[in-house]
Amino acid sequence: MVQVLNFILLTSSELADLRDLLKQSLVNSAGKDLFVSLYTSWCHSPMAIISLCLLAQTYQHASTVIQSLVEEDINVKFLVQLDKLIRLLETPIFAYLRLQLLEPGRYTWLLKALNGLLMLLPQQSAAFKILRTRLKTVPSYSFSGDQVKRTSSGNPHPQIIHHIPCGSQTSEDGDINQDVGACNSHNGINFTASLHQFEQMQRQHRMHAKMQALSRNSSTPSSKGN
């Protein structure tokens, strides 16, 4: 159900205003409230949360969620949903996200999140090839003036060197905060608490799946005996 609602949110023309509001989650209180309210339900699905974060431009949290996934989370259902998301990233809905890739020095968390998704995809899948092709178009420099350092391995996604004032702390892409605690809470969004909420929900789903598997296995011998 959550995936269906998420797909409607991402694609429905009638919800364009809601998508625009979500894009302002880090700077607008109404956008923040919408993000937080959706998060509670969306955290039942890893792909729904990742999609929500990409839509809300909370790229650091998206990257953190991706890295929190464990083996049980990355199943066939997850990969099918990921395939759909990668294809949606090539649509006009996510044009703003693709344009942000022109500034790799400013949107490093976006790059990290997208590369994280790339690493979860089977290399022979169509979605892998689509996303890899898109990431290859990321310029090896930043229009914002950040210095870029190429790696000796020839990695097409070079290491970005930031010039951040002492005492500053980056919280989300494109923003620098003087408050060190801002990386955990931005515009009233407590991302640390949100991550704990997501992880707890996923643990419950994994436990439920294990219990269902045990129930099926225990019922198999008796059915054979009959």
C-alpha atoms as a PDB file:
ATOM      1  CA  MET A   1       0.000   0.000   0.000  1.00  0.00           C
ATOM      2  CA  VAL A   2       2.794   2.449   0.896  1.00  0.00           C
ATOM      3  CA  GLN A   3       4.531   1.789  -2.412  1.00  0.00           C
ATOM      4  CA  VAL A   4       1.308   2.478  -4.298  1.00  0.00           C
ATOM      5  CA  LEU A   5       0.814   5.762  -2.447  1.00  0.00           C
ATOM      6  CA  ASN A   6       4.457   6.664  -3.011  1.00  0.00           C
ATOM      7  CA  PHE A   7       4.154   6.017  -6.756  1.00  0.00           C
ATOM      8  CA  ILE A   8       1.043   8.211  -6.896  1.00  0.00           C
ATOM      9  CA  LEU A   9       2.892  10.975  -5.033  1.00  0.00           C
ATOM     10  CA  LEU A  10       5.808  10.784  -7.469  1.00  0.00           C
ATOM     11  CA  THR A  11       3.843  10.643 -10.706  1.00  0.00           C
ATOM     12  CA  SER A  12       0.370  12.150 -10.329  1.00  0.00           C
ATOM     13  CA  SER A  13      -0.032  15.524 -12.042  1.00  0.00           C
ATOM     14  CA  GLU A  14      -2.687  16.415  -9.457  1.00  0.00           C
ATOM     15  CA  LEU A  15      -0.044  16.208  -6.713  1.00  0.00           C
ATOM     16  CA  ALA A  16       2.487  18.521  -8.379  1.00  0.00           C
ATOM     17  CA  ASP A  17       1.864  21.177  -5.714  1.00  0.00           C
ATOM     18  CA  LEU A  18       2.579  18.659  -2.948  1.00  0.00           C
ATOM     19  CA  ARG A  19       5.825  17.661  -4.650  1.00  0.00           C
ATOM     20  CA  ASP A  20       6.825  21.318  -4.885  1.00  0.00           C
ATOM     21  CA  LEU A  21       6.052  21.756  -1.194  1.00  0.00           C
ATOM     22  CA  LEU A  22       8.154  18.725  -0.275  1.00  0.00           C
ATOM     23  CA  LYS A  23      11.099  20.185  -2.182  1.00  0.00           C
ATOM     24  CA  GLN A  24      11.031  23.017   0.360  1.00  0.00           C
ATOM     25  CA  SER A  25      11.182  20.701   3.385  1.00  0.00           C
ATOM     26  CA  LEU A  26      14.501  22.114   4.570  1.00  0.00           C
ATOM     27  CA  VAL A  27      13.499  25.770   4.288  1.00  0.00           C
ATOM     28  CA  ASN A  28       9.714  25.850   4.655  1.00  0.00           C
ATOM     29  CA  SER A  29       7.767  24.899   7.785  1.00  0.00           C
ATOM     30  CA  ALA A  30       4.792  23.602   5.781  1.00  0.00           C
ATOM     31  CA  GLY A  31       7.120  21.447   3.690  1.00  0.00           C
ATOM     32  CA  LYS A  32       8.797  20.181   6.849  1.00  0.00           C
ATOM     33  CA  ASP A  33       5.458  19.254   8.412  1.00  0.00           C
ATOM     34  CA  LEU A  34       4.437  17.372   5.266  1.00  0.00           C
ATOM     35  CA  PHE A  35       7.761  15.518   5.155  1.00  0.00           C
ATOM     36  CA  VAL A  36       7.544  14.517   8.820  1.00  0.00           C
ATOM     37  CA  SER A  37       3.923  13.377   8.546  1.00  0.00           C
ATOM     38  CA  LEU A  38       4.607  11.270   5.451  1.00  0.00           C
ATOM     39  CA  TYR A  39       7.778   9.814   6.966  1.00  0.00           C
ATOM     40  CA  THR A  40       5.837   7.984   9.674  1.00  0.00           C
ATOM     41  CA  SER A  41       3.923   5.936   7.101  1.00  0.00           C
ATOM     42  CA  TRP A  42       6.575   5.835   4.387  1.00  0.00           C
ATOM     43  CA  CYS A  43       9.154   4.242   6.727  1.00  0.00           C
ATOM     44  CA  HIS A  44       7.375   0.902   6.254  1.00  0.00           C
ATOM     45  CA  SER A  45       9.136   0.746   2.864  1.00  0.00           C
ATOM     46  CA  PRO A  46      12.858   1.468   2.294  1.00  0.00           C
ATOM     47  CA  MET A  47      12.281   2.527  -1.310  1.00  0.00           C
ATOM     48  CA  ALA A  48       9.404   4.808  -0.329  1.00  0.00           C
ATOM     49  CA  ILE A  49      11.627   6.561   2.214  1.00  0.00           C
ATOM     50  CA  ILE A  50      14.508   6.900  -0.254  1.00  0.00           C
ATOM     51  CA  SER A  51      12.119   8.305  -2.869  1.00  0.00           C
ATOM     52  CA  LEU A  52      10.676  10.734  -0.318  1.00  0.00           C
ATOM     53  CA  CYS A  53      14.158  11.932   0.636  1.00  0.00           C
ATOM     54  CA  LEU A  54      15.159  12.481  -2.995  1.00  0.00           C
ATOM     55  CA  LEU A  55      11.954  14.423  -3.555  1.00  0.00           C
ATOM     56  CA  ALA A  56      12.472  16.504  -0.400  1.00  0.00           C
ATOM     57  CA  GLN A  57      16.171  17.025  -1.250  1.00  0.00           C
ATOM     58  CA  THR A  58      17.236  15.566   2.096  1.00  0.00           C
ATOM     59  CA  TYR A  59      20.097  13.804   0.363  1.00  0.00           C
ATOM     60  CA  GLN A  60      22.272  13.195   3.413  1.00  0.00           C
ATOM     61  CA  HIS A  61      19.440  11.327   5.098  1.00  0.00           C
ATOM     62  CA  ALA A  62      18.803   9.371   1.888  1.00  0.00           C
ATOM     63  CA  SER A  63      22.440   8.280   1.867  1.00  0.00           C
ATOM     64  CA  THR A  64      22.250   7.300   5.543  1.00  0.00           C
ATOM     65  CA  VAL A  65      19.100   5.246   4.948  1.00  0.00           C
ATOM     66  CA  ILE A  66      20.725   3.462   2.001  1.00  0.00           C
ATOM     67  CA  GLN A  67      23.771   2.536   4.076  1.00  0.00           C
ATOM     68  CA  SER A  68      21.566   1.272   6.910  1.00  0.00           C
ATOM     69  CA  LEU A  69      20.030  -1.439   4.713  1.00  0.00           C
ATOM     70  CA  VAL A  70      20.953  -5.036   5.503  1.00  0.00           C
ATOM     71  CA  GLU A  71      20.917  -8.247   3.490  1.00  0.00           C
ATOM     72  CA  GLU A  72      17.283  -9.089   4.271  1.00  0.00           C
ATOM     73  CA  ASP A  73      16.145  -5.693   2.987  1.00  0.00           C
ATOM     74  CA  ILE A  74      17.674  -6.121  -0.469  1.00  0.00           C
ATOM     75  CA  ASN A  75      15.313  -8.711  -1.906  1.00  0.00           C
ATOM     76  CA  VAL A  76      13.578  -9.128  -5.261  1.00  0.00           C
ATOM     77  CA  LYS A  77      10.729  -6.822  -4.247  1.00  0.00           C
ATOM     78  CA  PHE A  78      13.208  -4.121  -3.245  1.00  0.00           C
ATOM     79  CA  LEU A  79      15.135  -4.412  -6.521  1.00  0.00           C
ATOM     80  CA  VAL A  80      11.943  -4.180  -8.586  1.00  0.00           C
ATOM     81  CA  GLN A  81      10.989  -0.997  -6.718  1.00  0.00           C
ATOM     82  CA  LEU A  82      14.511   0.370  -7.138  1.00  0.00           C
ATOM     83  CA  ASP A  83      14.312  -0.274 -10.884  1.00  0.00           C
ATOM     84  CA  LYS A  84      11.128   1.822 -11.039  1.00  0.00           C
ATOM     85  CA  LEU A  85      12.744   4.650  -9.073  1.00  0.00           C
ATOM     86  CA  ILE A  86      15.804   4.761 -11.338  1.00  0.00           C
ATOM     87  CA  ARG A  87      13.551   5.083 -14.376  1.00  0.00           C
ATOM     88  CA  LEU A  88      11.561   7.840 -12.656  1.00  0.00           C
ATOM     89  CA  LEU A  89      14.797   9.748 -12.045  1.00  0.00           C
ATOM     90  CA  GLU A  90      15.020  10.186 -15.821  1.00  0.00           C
ATOM     91  CA  THR A  91      11.588  11.844 -16.049  1.00  0.00           C
ATOM     92  CA  PRO A  92      10.797  15.589 -15.848  1.00  0.00           C
ATOM     93  CA  ILE A  93       9.676  15.108 -12.224  1.00  0.00           C
ATOM     94  CA  PHE A  94      13.315  14.785 -11.142  1.00  0.00           C
ATOM     95  CA  ALA A  95      14.781  17.294 -13.619  1.00  0.00           C
ATOM     96  CA  TYR A  96      15.848  19.511 -10.688  1.00  0.00           C
ATOM     97  CA  LEU A  97      17.835  16.618  -9.229  1.00  0.00           C
ATOM     98  CA  ARG A  98      19.663  15.944 -12.503  1.00  0.00           C
ATOM     99  CA  LEU A  99      20.517  19.632 -12.850  1.00  0.00           C
ATOM    100  CA  GLN A 100      21.976  19.607  -9.342  1.00  0.00           C
ATOM    101  CA  LEU A 101      24.497  17.061 -10.597  1.00  0.00           C
ATOM    102  CA  LEU A 102      26.116  19.957 -12.482  1.00  0.00           C
ATOM    103  CA  GLU A 103      27.413  21.102  -9.081  1.00  0.00           C
ATOM    104  CA  PRO A 104      29.114  18.010  -7.631  1.00  0.00           C
ATOM    105  CA  GLY A 105      30.967  20.126  -5.090  1.00  0.00           C
ATOM    106  CA  ARG A 106      27.727  21.430  -3.649  1.00  0.00           C
ATOM    107  CA  TYR A 107      25.623  18.265  -3.895  1.00  0.00           C
ATOM    108  CA  THR A 108      28.050  15.635  -2.678  1.00  0.00           C
ATOM    109  CA  TRP A 109      25.382  13.867  -0.590  1.00  0.00           C
ATOM    110  CA  LEU A 110      23.224  13.512  -3.685  1.00  0.00           C
ATOM    111  CA  LEU A 111      26.137  11.902  -5.504  1.00  0.00           C
ATOM    112  CA  LYS A 112      26.786   9.605  -2.565  1.00  0.00           C
ATOM    113  CA  ALA A 113      23.127   8.564  -2.405  1.00  0.00           C
ATOM    114  CA  LEU A 114      22.942   7.835  -6.138  1.00  0.00           C
ATOM    115  CA  ASN A 115      26.207   5.906  -6.079  1.00  0.00           C
ATOM    116  CA  GLY A 116      24.866   3.968  -3.102  1.00  0.00           C
ATOM    117  CA  LEU A 117      21.817   2.958  -5.140  1.00  0.00           C
ATOM    118  CA  LEU A 118      24.109   2.006  -8.006  1.00  0.00           C
ATOM    119  CA  MET A 119      26.038  -0.362  -5.742  1.00  0.00           C
ATOM    120  CA  LEU A 120      22.816  -2.145  -4.758  1.00  0.00           C
ATOM    121  CA  LEU A 121      21.799  -2.878  -8.349  1.00  0.00           C
ATOM    122  CA  PRO A 122      22.889  -6.003 -10.265  1.00  0.00           C
ATOM    123  CA  GLN A 123      25.490  -4.894 -12.808  1.00  0.00           C
ATOM    124  CA  GLN A 124      23.692  -6.537 -15.715  1.00  0.00           C
ATOM    125  CA  SER A 125      20.344  -4.902 -14.973  1.00  0.00           C
ATOM    126  CA  ALA A 126      18.919  -2.161 -17.173  1.00  0.00           C
ATOM    127  CA  ALA A 127      18.518   0.126 -14.150  1.00  0.00           C
ATOM    128  CA  PHE A 128      22.238  -0.193 -13.353  1.00  0.00           C
ATOM    129  CA  LYS A 129      23.164   0.848 -16.879  1.00  0.00           C
ATOM    130  CA  ILE A 130      20.724   3.775 -16.828  1.00  0.00           C
ATOM    131  CA  LEU A 131      22.027   5.137 -13.521  1.00  0.00           C
ATOM    132  CA  ARG A 132      25.682   4.521 -14.371  1.00  0.00           C
ATOM    133  CA  THR A 133      25.241   6.374 -17.665  1.00  0.00           C
ATOM    134  CA  ARG A 134      23.678   9.312 -15.821  1.00  0.00           C
ATOM    135  CA  LEU A 135      26.464   9.438 -13.230  1.00  0.00           C
ATOM    136  CA  LYS A 136      29.087   9.408 -15.979  1.00  0.00           C
ATOM    137  CA  THR A 137      27.719  12.760 -17.149  1.00  0.00           C
ATOM    138  CA  VAL A 138      28.558  14.408 -13.817  1.00  0.00           C
ATOM    139  CA  PRO A 139      31.247  17.015 -14.593  1.00  0.00           C
ATOM    140  CA  SER A 140      34.675  16.584 -13.061  1.00  0.00           C
ATOM    141  CA  TYR A 141      34.522  20.135 -11.765  1.00  0.00           C
ATOM    142  CA  SER A 142      32.081  22.336  -9.899  1.00  0.00           C
ATOM    143  CA  PHE A 143      30.571  25.537 -11.251  1.00  0.00           C
ATOM    144  CA  SER A 144      30.404  26.806  -7.672  1.00  0.00           C
ATOM    145  CA  GLY A 145      34.179  27.097  -7.562  1.00  0.00           C
ATOM    146  CA  ASP A 146      35.018  24.051  -5.444  1.00  0.00           C
ATOM    147  CA  GLN A 147      38.299  22.374  -6.220  1.00  0.00           C
ATOM    148  CA  VAL A 148      38.191  18.933  -7.692  1.00  0.00           C
ATOM    149  CA  LYS A 149      40.803  16.266  -7.238  1.00  0.00           C
ATOM    150  CA  ARG A 150      40.897  13.296  -9.592  1.00  0.00           C
ATOM    151  CA  THR A 151      41.792   9.969  -8.089  1.00  0.00           C
ATOM    152  CA  SER A 152      44.741   8.003  -9.390  1.00  0.00           C
ATOM    153  CA  SER A 153      42.404   5.142 -10.290  1.00  0.00           C
ATOM    154  CA  GLY A 154      40.650   7.253 -12.911  1.00  0.00           C
ATOM    155  CA  ASN A 155      37.336   7.194 -11.094  1.00  0.00           C
ATOM    156  CA  PRO A 156      34.803   9.206 -13.154  1.00  0.00           C
ATOM    157  CA  HIS A 157      33.376  10.578  -9.882  1.00  0.00           C
ATOM    158  CA  PRO A 158      36.320  12.523  -8.447  1.00  0.00           C
ATOM    159  CA  GLN A 159      36.926  13.390  -4.848  1.00  0.00           C
ATOM    160  CA  ILE A 160      35.541  16.809  -4.012  1.00  0.00           C
ATOM    161  CA  ILE A 161      37.577  19.059  -1.734  1.00  0.00           C
ATOM    162  CA  HIS A 162      35.421  21.550   0.162  1.00  0.00           C
ATOM    163  CA  HIS A 163      36.560  24.859   1.571  1.00  0.00           C
ATOM    164  CA  ILE A 164      34.453  25.077   4.725  1.00  0.00           C
ATOM    165  CA  PRO A 165      35.177  27.624   7.458  1.00  0.00           C
ATOM    166  CA  CYS A 166      36.467  26.282  10.740  1.00  0.00           C
ATOM    167  CA  GLY A 167      33.632  25.430  13.111  1.00  0.00           C
ATOM    168  CA  SER A 168      31.121  24.961  10.306  1.00  0.00           C
ATOM    169  CA  GLN A 169      29.167  21.779   9.849  1.00  0.00           C
ATOM    170  CA  THR A 170      27.422  20.668   6.672  1.00  0.00           C
ATOM    171  CA  SER A 171      23.952  19.264   7.280  1.00  0.00           C
ATOM    172  CA  GLU A 172      22.419  18.857   3.840  1.00  0.00           C
ATOM    173  CA  ASP A 173      23.589  19.535   0.311  1.00  0.00           C
ATOM    174  CA  GLY A 174      23.965  23.164  -0.617  1.00  0.00           C
ATOM    175  CA  ASP A 175      23.894  24.378   2.985  1.00  0.00           C
ATOM    176  CA  ILE A 176      26.508  25.109   5.647  1.00  0.00           C
ATOM    177  CA  ASN A 177      25.498  25.532   9.280  1.00  0.00           C
ATOM    178  CA  GLN A 178      27.559  27.031  12.061  1.00  0.00           C
ATOM    179  CA  ASP A 179      25.729  24.896  14.614  1.00  0.00           C
ATOM    180  CA  VAL A 180      27.387  21.483  14.914  1.00  0.00           C
ATOM    181  CA  GLY A 181      24.098  19.975  16.068  1.00  0.00           C
ATOM    182  CA  ALA A 182      22.416  21.024  12.832  1.00  0.00           C
ATOM    183  CA  CYS A 183      23.524  17.843  11.100  1.00  0.00           C
ATOM    184  CA  ASN A 184      21.085  15.928  13.293  1.00  0.00           C
ATOM    185  CA  SER A 185      18.261  18.461  13.235  1.00  0.00           C
ATOM    186  CA  HIS A 186      17.561  20.753  10.292  1.00  0.00           C
ATOM    187  CA  ASN A 187      14.632  23.193  10.198  1.00  0.00           C
ATOM    188  CA  GLY A 188      12.971  21.228  12.983  1.00  0.00           C
ATOM    189  CA  ILE A 189      13.515  17.834  11.326  1.00  0.00           C
ATOM    190  CA  ASN A 190      15.350  15.502  13.678  1.00  0.00           C
ATOM    191  CA  PHE A 191      17.025  13.187  11.184  1.00  0.00           C
ATOM    192  CA  THR A 192      18.648  11.068  13.878  1.00  0.00           C
ATOM    193  CA  ALA A 193      15.254  10.283  15.405  1.00  0.00           C
ATOM    194  CA  SER A 194      13.834   9.688  11.926  1.00  0.00           C
ATOM    195  CA  LEU A 195      16.571   7.172  11.161  1.00  0.00           C
ATOM    196  CA  HIS A 196      15.898   5.338  14.427  1.00  0.00           C
ATOM    197  CA  GLN A 197      12.203   5.255  13.556  1.00  0.00           C
ATOM    198  CA  PHE A 198      12.980   3.800  10.128  1.00  0.00           C
ATOM    199  CA  GLU A 199      15.412   1.207  11.479  1.00  0.00           C
ATOM    200  CA  GLN A 200      12.980   0.111  14.188  1.00  0.00           C
ATOM    201  CA  MET A 201      10.202  -0.328  11.626  1.00  0.00           C
ATOM    202  CA  GLN A 202      12.473  -2.368   9.358  1.00  0.00           C
ATOM    203  CA  ARG A 203      13.491  -4.599  12.269  1.00  0.00           C
ATOM    204  CA  GLN A 204       9.816  -5.268  12.951  1.00  0.00           C
ATOM    205  CA  HIS A 205       9.211  -6.146   9.304  1.00  0.00           C
ATOM    206  CA  ARG A 206      12.222  -8.482   9.248  1.00  0.00           C
ATOM    207  CA  MET A 207      11.033 -10.192  12.432  1.00  0.00           C
ATOM    208  CA  HIS A 208       7.540 -10.582  10.974  1.00  0.00           C
ATOM    209  CA  ALA A 209       8.979 -12.089   7.777  1.00  0.00           C
ATOM    210  CA  LYS A 210      11.050 -14.569   9.795  1.00  0.00           C
ATOM    211  CA  MET A 211       8.038 -15.596  11.853  1.00  0.00           C
ATOM    212  CA  GLN A 212       6.032 -16.162   8.675  1.00  0.00           C
ATOM    213  CA  ALA A 213       8.844 -18.257   7.200  1.00  0.00           C
ATOM    214  CA  LEU A 214       9.068 -20.369  10.366  1.00  0.00           C
ATOM    215  CA  SER A 215       5.307 -20.835  10.343  1.00  0.00           C
ATOM    216  CA  ARG A 216       5.359 -22.033   6.749  1.00  0.00           C
ATOM    217  CA  ASN A 217       8.260 -24.401   7.411  1.00  0.00           C
ATOM    218  CA  SER A 218       6.618 -25.888  10.501  1.00  0.00           C
ATOM    219  CA  SER A 219       3.362 -26.515   8.652  1.00  0.00           C
ATOM    220  CA  THR A 220       5.032 -28.254   5.697  1.00  0.00           C
ATOM    221  CA  PRO A 221       5.733 -31.681   7.368  1.00  0.00           C
ATOM    222  CA  SER A 222       2.200 -31.991   8.736  1.00  0.00           C
ATOM    223  CA  SER A 223       0.693 -31.243   5.350  1.00  0.00           C
ATOM    224  CA  LYS A 224       2.902 -33.897   3.780  1.00  0.00           C
ATOM    225  CA  GLY A 225       1.859 -36.394   6.426  1.00  0.00           C
ATOM    226  CA  ASN A 226      -1.772 -35.855   5.535  1.00  0.00           C
END
